[in-house]
Amino acid sequence: MITALASDFCPNAYCYNMALVSHLACTNYRMTPKEALAAATLNAAFSLGIADKVGSLEVGKQGDLILLDAPDWVCVVYMFGDTPLNSVIKRGKIL
């Protein structure tokens, strides 16, 4: 079974914070941080039919990623209220 995670920015649930979504997946659905990361990236891209272009860091794919100022990547899950974002890279360019 493939699980995908996404935020839901709709009129009845203004949530677009993927760190919060990942935190809730770990605490409420007992996913590991590694499972939540895969569900929010590659699995989400797969569910949209675009995993050949995005969702993981591979040669030939679009270079979209975030750089964190944190001791470990799992801080996104555990520090969801204060995500230590350093840089955003979209299509290989720093924004």
Protein backbone atom coordinates (compact mmCIF):
# COMPACT_ATOMS: atom_id res chain seq x y z
CA MET A 1 0.00 0.00 0.00
CA ILE A 2 1.26 3.46 -0.90
CA THR A 3 0.33 6.33 1.39
CA ALA A 4 0.55 9.97 0.33
CA LEU A 5 0.40 13.00 2.61
CA ALA A 6 -0.78 16.45 1.60
CA SER A 7 -2.10 19.61 3.16
CA ASP A 8 -5.63 20.74 2.50
CA PHE A 9 -5.96 24.46 1.81
CA CYS A 10 -9.70 24.57 1.37
CA PRO A 11 -12.39 26.85 2.87
CA ASN A 12 -13.14 24.59 5.83
CA ALA A 13 -9.55 23.63 6.77
CA TYR A 14 -6.88 26.26 6.17
CA CYS A 15 -3.84 24.05 6.55
CA TYR A 16 -0.95 24.29 4.14
CA ASN A 17 1.80 23.46 6.64
CA MET A 18 3.40 20.18 5.57
CA ALA A 19 5.43 20.05 8.78
CA LEU A 20 2.16 19.94 10.72
CA VAL A 21 0.73 17.32 8.34
CA SER A 22 3.86 15.18 8.86
CA HIS A 23 3.67 15.64 12.63
CA LEU A 24 0.01 14.58 12.67
CA ALA A 25 0.80 11.55 10.51
CA CYS A 26 3.47 10.46 12.99
CA THR A 27 1.48 11.11 16.14
CA ASN A 28 -2.03 10.13 15.00
CA TYR A 29 -1.30 7.45 12.41
CA ARG A 30 1.90 6.09 13.97
CA MET A 31 3.98 6.67 10.86
CA THR A 32 7.71 6.97 11.34
CA PRO A 33 9.33 10.27 10.27
CA LYS A 34 10.92 8.37 7.37
CA GLU A 35 7.52 7.06 6.25
CA ALA A 36 6.00 10.55 6.56
CA LEU A 37 8.81 12.04 4.46
CA ALA A 38 8.30 9.45 1.70
CA ALA A 39 4.52 9.94 1.85
CA ALA A 40 4.87 13.73 1.56
CA THR A 41 7.38 13.64 -1.31
CA LEU A 42 7.75 10.68 -3.66
CA ASN A 43 4.44 9.00 -2.81
CA ALA A 44 2.55 12.28 -3.20
CA ALA A 45 4.18 12.83 -6.59
CA PHE A 46 3.30 9.26 -7.58
CA SER A 47 -0.35 9.81 -6.62
CA LEU A 48 -0.44 12.82 -8.97
CA GLY A 49 1.27 10.92 -11.79
CA ILE A 50 4.37 13.14 -11.76
CA ALA A 51 6.90 10.97 -9.88
CA ASP A 52 9.03 10.83 -13.03
CA LYS A 53 9.63 14.61 -12.68
CA VAL A 54 9.50 15.41 -8.95
CA GLY A 55 9.29 13.80 -5.52
CA SER A 56 12.88 12.63 -5.03
CA LEU A 57 16.40 13.84 -5.66
CA GLU A 58 17.53 12.04 -8.80
CA VAL A 59 19.43 12.96 -11.93
CA GLY A 60 17.00 14.25 -14.53
CA LYS A 61 14.32 15.30 -12.05
CA GLN A 62 13.35 18.87 -11.21
CA GLY A 63 15.58 20.17 -8.39
CA ASP A 64 13.02 21.17 -5.75
CA LEU A 65 14.12 21.02 -2.11
CA ILE A 66 14.41 22.90 1.13
CA LEU A 67 17.52 23.38 3.23
CA LEU A 68 17.05 23.36 6.98
CA ASP A 69 19.06 25.00 9.72
CA ALA A 70 18.60 22.06 12.06
CA PRO A 71 20.72 19.29 13.53
CA ASP A 72 18.61 16.61 11.83
CA TRP A 73 15.88 16.39 9.15
CA VAL A 74 13.38 14.91 11.63
CA CYS A 75 13.18 18.35 13.24
CA VAL A 76 10.53 19.16 10.62
CA VAL A 77 8.27 16.57 12.24
CA TYR A 78 9.09 17.43 15.84
CA MET A 79 9.45 21.22 15.53
CA PHE A 80 6.43 21.81 13.27
CA GLY A 81 5.55 25.16 14.86
CA ASP A 82 9.02 26.58 14.22
CA THR A 83 10.38 25.01 11.04
CA PRO A 84 14.07 25.91 10.77
CA LEU A 85 13.90 26.84 7.07
CA ASN A 86 17.18 28.10 5.64
CA SER A 87 16.64 28.11 1.87
CA VAL A 88 14.16 27.03 -0.78
CA ILE A 89 15.39 25.67 -4.09
CA LYS A 90 12.92 25.42 -6.98
CA ARG A 91 13.96 23.92 -10.33
CA GLY A 92 17.55 24.07 -9.13
CA LYS A 93 17.51 27.79 -8.34
CA ILE A 94 17.65 29.35 -4.87
CA LEU A 95 14.60 31.50 -4.22
